[in-house]
N, C-alpha and C. Protein backbone atom coordinates (compact mmCIF):
# COMPACT_ATOMS: atom_id res chain seq x y z
N UNK A 1 0.65 -1.14 0.18
CA UNK A 1 -0.07 0.04 -0.39
C UNK A 1 1.07 0.95 -0.38
N UNK A 2 2.01 1.15 0.60
CA UNK A 2 2.86 2.42 0.82
C UNK A 2 3.45 2.85 -0.38
N UNK A 3 3.80 1.53 -1.44
CA UNK A 3 4.61 1.86 -2.67
C UNK A 3 3.45 2.14 -3.62
N UNK A 4 2.07 2.18 -3.57
CA UNK A 4 1.33 2.50 -4.79
C UNK A 4 0.88 4.04 -4.22
N UNK A 5 0.80 4.80 -3.13
CA UNK A 5 0.95 5.73 -2.27
C UNK A 5 2.20 6.53 -2.95
N UNK A 6 3.31 6.08 -2.96
CA UNK A 6 4.81 6.47 -3.22
C UNK A 6 4.65 6.54 -4.89
N UNK A 7 4.16 5.38 -5.51
CA UNK A 7 4.57 5.74 -6.95
C UNK A 7 3.34 6.83 -7.68
N UNK A 8 2.05 7.03 -6.91
CA UNK A 8 0.99 7.70 -7.24
C UNK A 8 1.80 9.44 -6.94
N UNK A 9 2.19 9.44 -5.56
CA UNK A 9 2.73 10.84 -5.51
C UNK A 9 3.89 11.20 -6.94
N UNK A 10 4.35 10.24 -6.52
CA UNK A 10 5.87 10.71 -7.62
C UNK A 10 4.92 10.81 -9.50
N UNK A 11 4.21 10.22 -9.94
CA UNK A 11 3.85 10.46 -10.57
C UNK A 11 3.45 11.70 -10.89
N UNK A 12 2.34 11.96 -9.86
CA UNK A 12 1.46 13.23 -9.67
C UNK A 12 2.80 14.32 -9.84
N UNK A 13 3.90 14.47 -9.02
CA UNK A 13 5.08 15.30 -9.06
C UNK A 13 5.50 15.89 -10.19
N UNK A 14 5.58 14.33 -10.89
CA UNK A 14 6.39 14.50 -12.38
C UNK A 14 5.31 15.51 -13.01
N UNK A 15 3.93 15.27 -13.27
CA UNK A 15 3.02 15.54 -14.13
C UNK A 15 2.63 17.07 -13.98
N UNK A 16 3.07 17.26 -12.69
CA UNK A 16 2.64 18.82 -12.08
C UNK A 16 4.01 19.71 -12.65
N UNK A 17 5.34 19.09 -12.74
CA UNK A 17 6.50 19.61 -13.04
C UNK A 17 6.13 19.74 -14.18
N UNK A 18 6.05 18.61 -15.26
CA UNK A 18 5.52 19.05 -16.74
C UNK A 18 4.85 19.88 -17.42
N UNK A 19 3.61 20.44 -16.62
CA UNK A 19 2.79 21.28 -16.79
C UNK A 19 3.01 22.52 -16.35
N UNK A 20 4.05 22.76 -15.43
CA UNK A 20 4.51 23.92 -14.81
C UNK A 20 5.54 24.65 -16.12
N UNK A 21 6.28 23.36 -16.97
CA UNK A 21 7.22 23.67 -17.37
C UNK A 21 6.49 23.99 -18.92
N UNK A 22 5.77 23.38 -19.06
CA UNK A 22 4.80 23.79 -20.27
C UNK A 22 3.79 25.16 -20.35
N UNK A 23 3.87 25.60 -18.95
CA UNK A 23 3.25 26.98 -18.88
C UNK A 23 4.37 28.15 -19.34
N UNK A 24 5.59 27.56 -18.39
CA UNK A 24 6.21 28.53 -18.29
C UNK A 24 7.45 28.89 -20.10
N UNK A 25 7.09 27.80 -20.80
CA UNK A 25 7.36 27.77 -22.22
C UNK A 25 6.41 28.62 -22.54
N UNK A 26 5.14 28.28 -22.51
CA UNK A 26 4.08 29.39 -23.26
C UNK A 26 4.36 30.68 -23.07
N UNK A 27 4.66 30.96 -21.59
CA UNK A 27 4.31 32.23 -21.38
C UNK A 27 6.02 33.28 -21.88
N UNK A 28 7.32 32.55 -22.43
CA UNK A 28 8.33 32.81 -23.00
C UNK A 28 8.54 32.95 -24.38
N UNK A 29 6.76 32.25 -25.05
CA UNK A 29 7.21 32.35 -26.51
C UNK A 29 6.81 33.66 -26.77
N UNK A 30 7.37 33.77 -27.85
CA UNK A 30 7.21 35.66 -28.31
C UNK A 30 5.77 35.69 -29.09
N UNK A 31 5.03 36.26 -29.60
CA UNK A 31 3.90 36.51 -30.45
C UNK A 31 4.07 38.02 -31.14
N UNK A 32 4.15 37.51 -32.55
CA UNK A 32 4.37 38.62 -33.75
C UNK A 32 3.13 39.49 -33.39
N UNK A 33 3.25 40.60 -33.74
CA UNK A 33 2.18 41.49 -33.68
C UNK A 33 2.00 42.37 -34.94
N UNK A 34 3.10 42.20 -35.67
CA UNK A 34 2.88 43.50 -36.67
C UNK A 34 2.55 42.65 -37.85
N UNK A 35 1.56 42.10 -38.30
CA UNK A 35 0.95 41.46 -39.11
C UNK A 35 0.49 42.62 -40.72
N UNK A 36 0.59 42.06 -41.47
CA UNK A 36 -0.19 42.95 -42.55
C UNK A 36 -1.88 42.89 -42.53
N UNK A 37 -2.45 43.85 -42.80
CA UNK A 37 -3.89 43.97 -42.75
C UNK A 37 -4.68 42.85 -43.62
N UNK A 38 -5.93 42.02 -43.26
CA UNK A 38 -6.64 40.96 -43.81
C UNK A 38 -7.49 41.63 -44.51
N UNK A 39 -7.71 41.06 -45.94
CA UNK A 39 -9.36 41.75 -46.45
C UNK A 39 -10.12 41.20 -45.94
N UNK A 40 -11.52 42.02 -45.58
CA UNK A 40 -12.46 41.41 -45.46
C UNK A 40 -13.07 40.36 -46.21
N UNK A 41 -13.83 39.33 -45.51
CA UNK A 41 -13.91 38.66 -46.55
C UNK A 41 -15.67 38.70 -46.91
N UNK A 42 -16.28 38.37 -48.13
CA UNK A 42 -17.57 38.68 -48.23
C UNK A 42 -18.06 37.60 -48.94
N UNK A 43 -19.44 37.11 -48.29
CA UNK A 43 -20.26 36.28 -48.74
C UNK A 43 -21.34 36.74 -49.41
N UNK A 44 -21.87 36.71 -50.90
CA UNK A 44 -23.15 37.40 -51.32
C UNK A 44 -24.03 35.86 -51.99
N UNK A 45 -24.60 35.82 -51.50
CA UNK A 45 -26.14 34.91 -51.77
C UNK A 45 -26.92 35.39 -52.42
N UNK A 46 -27.15 34.90 -53.62
CA UNK A 46 -28.25 35.42 -54.66
C UNK A 46 -29.38 34.47 -55.19
N UNK A 47 -30.46 34.65 -54.76
CA UNK A 47 -31.60 33.96 -55.31
C UNK A 47 -32.96 34.53 -56.20
N UNK A 48 -33.79 33.72 -56.83
CA UNK A 48 -34.75 34.18 -57.25
C UNK A 48 -35.96 33.59 -56.25
N UNK A 49 -36.95 34.60 -55.98
CA UNK A 49 -37.69 34.26 -54.93
C UNK A 49 -39.01 33.03 -55.69
N UNK A 50 -39.29 32.20 -55.44
CA UNK A 50 -40.31 31.32 -56.37
C UNK A 50 -41.81 31.32 -55.74
N UNK A 51 -42.38 31.77 -56.83
CA UNK A 51 -44.00 31.73 -56.44
C UNK A 51 -44.38 30.21 -56.17
N UNK A 52 -45.21 30.14 -55.23
CA UNK A 52 -45.93 28.98 -54.72
C UNK A 52 -46.17 27.45 -56.24
N UNK A 53 -46.32 28.25 -57.74
CA UNK A 53 -46.57 27.20 -58.35
C UNK A 53 -45.17 26.77 -58.71
N UNK A 54 -44.23 27.72 -58.76
CA UNK A 54 -42.77 27.12 -59.26
C UNK A 54 -42.00 26.71 -58.05
N UNK A 55 -42.35 26.52 -56.91
CA UNK A 55 -42.26 25.25 -55.72
C UNK A 55 -42.14 24.01 -55.73
N UNK A 56 -44.09 23.99 -56.36
CA UNK A 56 -44.54 22.76 -56.58
C UNK A 56 -44.17 21.58 -57.90
N UNK A 57 -43.53 22.91 -58.67
CA UNK A 57 -43.42 22.35 -59.90
C UNK A 57 -42.15 21.61 -59.87
N UNK A 58 -41.25 22.69 -59.52
CA UNK A 58 -39.69 22.27 -59.10
C UNK A 58 -39.65 20.84 -58.29
N UNK A 59 -40.29 21.05 -57.05
CA UNK A 59 -40.56 19.68 -56.19
C UNK A 59 -40.47 18.46 -56.65
N UNK A 60 -41.57 18.36 -57.78
CA UNK A 60 -42.34 17.35 -58.69
C UNK A 60 -41.74 16.89 -60.01
N UNK A 61 -40.80 17.76 -60.05
CA UNK A 61 -39.64 17.82 -61.50
C UNK A 61 -38.81 16.78 -61.30
N UNK A 62 -38.79 16.12 -60.13
CA UNK A 62 -37.38 14.96 -59.89
C UNK A 62 -36.17 15.66 -59.92
N UNK A 63 -35.51 16.47 -59.91
CA UNK A 63 -34.57 16.73 -60.41
C UNK A 63 -33.54 16.67 -59.44
N UNK A 64 -32.25 16.73 -59.45
CA UNK A 64 -31.29 16.67 -58.63
C UNK A 64 -31.11 17.64 -57.94
N UNK A 65 -31.12 17.84 -56.34
CA UNK A 65 -31.07 18.85 -55.55
C UNK A 65 -30.12 19.41 -55.75
N UNK A 66 -30.51 20.83 -55.44
CA UNK A 66 -29.72 22.14 -55.60
C UNK A 66 -28.34 21.72 -54.89
N UNK A 67 -27.07 22.13 -55.55
CA UNK A 67 -25.98 22.41 -54.54
C UNK A 67 -25.68 23.58 -54.45
N UNK A 68 -24.87 23.94 -52.89
CA UNK A 68 -24.13 25.12 -52.30
C UNK A 68 -22.80 24.71 -52.06
N UNK A 69 -22.27 25.46 -53.13
CA UNK A 69 -20.58 25.13 -52.86
C UNK A 69 -20.05 26.57 -52.27
N UNK A 70 -18.99 25.94 -51.36
CA UNK A 70 -18.35 26.94 -50.26
C UNK A 70 -17.12 26.98 -50.11
N UNK A 71 -16.47 27.81 -50.72
CA UNK A 71 -15.02 27.66 -50.72
C UNK A 71 -13.99 28.47 -50.06
N UNK A 72 -13.18 28.20 -49.35
CA UNK A 72 -12.34 28.82 -48.67
C UNK A 72 -11.24 28.58 -48.22
N UNK A 73 -10.27 29.62 -47.78
CA UNK A 73 -8.94 29.13 -46.99
C UNK A 73 -8.61 28.82 -45.78
N UNK A 74 -8.00 28.39 -45.30
CA UNK A 74 -7.81 28.45 -43.78
C UNK A 74 -6.95 29.72 -43.53
N UNK A 75 -7.30 30.78 -42.44
CA UNK A 75 -6.03 31.70 -42.17
C UNK A 75 -4.98 31.30 -41.23
N UNK A 76 -4.01 31.97 -41.14
CA UNK A 76 -2.84 31.65 -40.90
C UNK A 76 -3.36 32.45 -38.91
N UNK A 77 -2.16 31.89 -38.19
CA UNK A 77 -2.18 32.67 -36.90
C UNK A 77 -2.58 33.80 -36.92
N UNK A 78 -1.81 34.61 -38.11
CA UNK A 78 -1.30 35.64 -38.06
C UNK A 78 -2.16 36.64 -38.78
N UNK A 79 -2.85 35.95 -39.35
CA UNK A 79 -4.44 36.62 -40.20
C UNK A 79 -5.61 36.40 -39.43
N UNK A 80 -5.53 35.42 -38.54
CA UNK A 80 -6.64 35.58 -37.65
C UNK A 80 -6.26 36.28 -36.81
N UNK A 81 -4.95 36.78 -36.19
CA UNK A 81 -5.02 37.69 -35.41
C UNK A 81 -5.25 39.19 -35.67
N UNK A 82 -5.09 39.46 -36.87
CA UNK A 82 -5.26 40.39 -37.55
C UNK A 82 -6.71 40.77 -37.83
N UNK A 83 -7.51 39.97 -38.12
CA UNK A 83 -8.85 39.92 -38.05
C UNK A 83 -9.86 40.34 -36.74
N UNK A 84 -9.20 39.81 -35.66
CA UNK A 84 -9.65 39.63 -34.51
C UNK A 84 -9.64 40.85 -33.79
N UNK A 85 -8.32 41.86 -34.15
CA UNK A 85 -7.87 43.27 -33.51
C UNK A 85 -9.18 43.98 -34.69
N UNK A 86 -8.83 43.95 -35.96
CA UNK A 86 -9.56 44.80 -36.45
C UNK A 86 -11.03 44.82 -36.47
N UNK A 87 -11.81 43.67 -36.09
CA UNK A 87 -13.51 43.50 -35.82
C UNK A 87 -13.41 43.18 -34.43
N UNK A 88 -12.63 43.67 -33.48
CA UNK A 88 -12.81 43.74 -31.96
C UNK A 88 -14.23 43.35 -31.47
N UNK A 89 -15.13 44.52 -31.95
CA UNK A 89 -16.78 44.52 -31.16
C UNK A 89 -17.13 43.18 -32.11
N UNK A 90 -17.30 43.18 -33.11
CA UNK A 90 -17.63 41.43 -33.85
C UNK A 90 -17.88 40.69 -33.04
N UNK A 91 -16.20 40.10 -32.87
CA UNK A 91 -15.53 38.86 -32.20
C UNK A 91 -15.94 38.81 -30.55
N UNK A 92 -16.28 39.94 -30.02
CA UNK A 92 -16.75 40.03 -28.77
C UNK A 92 -17.95 40.02 -28.46
N UNK A 93 -18.65 40.24 -29.34
CA UNK A 93 -20.38 39.99 -29.74
C UNK A 93 -20.35 38.47 -29.67
N UNK A 94 -19.96 38.07 -30.63
CA UNK A 94 -19.76 36.29 -30.97
C UNK A 94 -19.23 35.64 -30.01
N UNK A 95 -18.42 35.67 -29.20
CA UNK A 95 -18.14 35.25 -28.26
C UNK A 95 -18.81 34.84 -26.80
N UNK A 96 -19.80 36.53 -27.50
CA UNK A 96 -20.76 36.14 -25.88
C UNK A 96 -21.88 35.59 -26.30
N UNK A 97 -22.54 35.37 -27.80
CA UNK A 97 -23.61 34.83 -28.22
C UNK A 97 -23.41 33.20 -28.20
N UNK A 98 -22.00 32.64 -28.13
CA UNK A 98 -21.44 31.41 -27.79
C UNK A 98 -21.38 30.83 -26.69
N UNK A 99 -21.22 32.05 -25.74
CA UNK A 99 -21.03 31.48 -24.56
C UNK A 99 -21.57 30.84 -23.78
N UNK A 100 -21.48 29.44 -23.15
CA UNK A 100 -22.52 28.61 -22.70
C UNK A 100 -23.01 28.73 -21.50
N UNK A 101 -22.61 29.31 -20.87
CA UNK A 101 -22.54 30.35 -19.45
C UNK A 101 -23.50 31.33 -19.08
């Protein structure tokens, strides 16, 4: 029983030290703040409003369903940071809207 307690303490000590080292490393890692401005992303959705007759005709026509194609590229960390800084009120509002608390 004493061996198990000693092993548990040793494991917890090593895990705590590793966590402390990870925090120290993250604290000392420099962050680049001089980034180029990022152009705003624009999404345009266009469609013709269908009448009731057109909707029924479309639904009964047996066509292949309409497709929506979305293309994007992944932002780099610098681009994300620049976007967040340029749109701070919108970003704060989005975080508040998605906050589960």
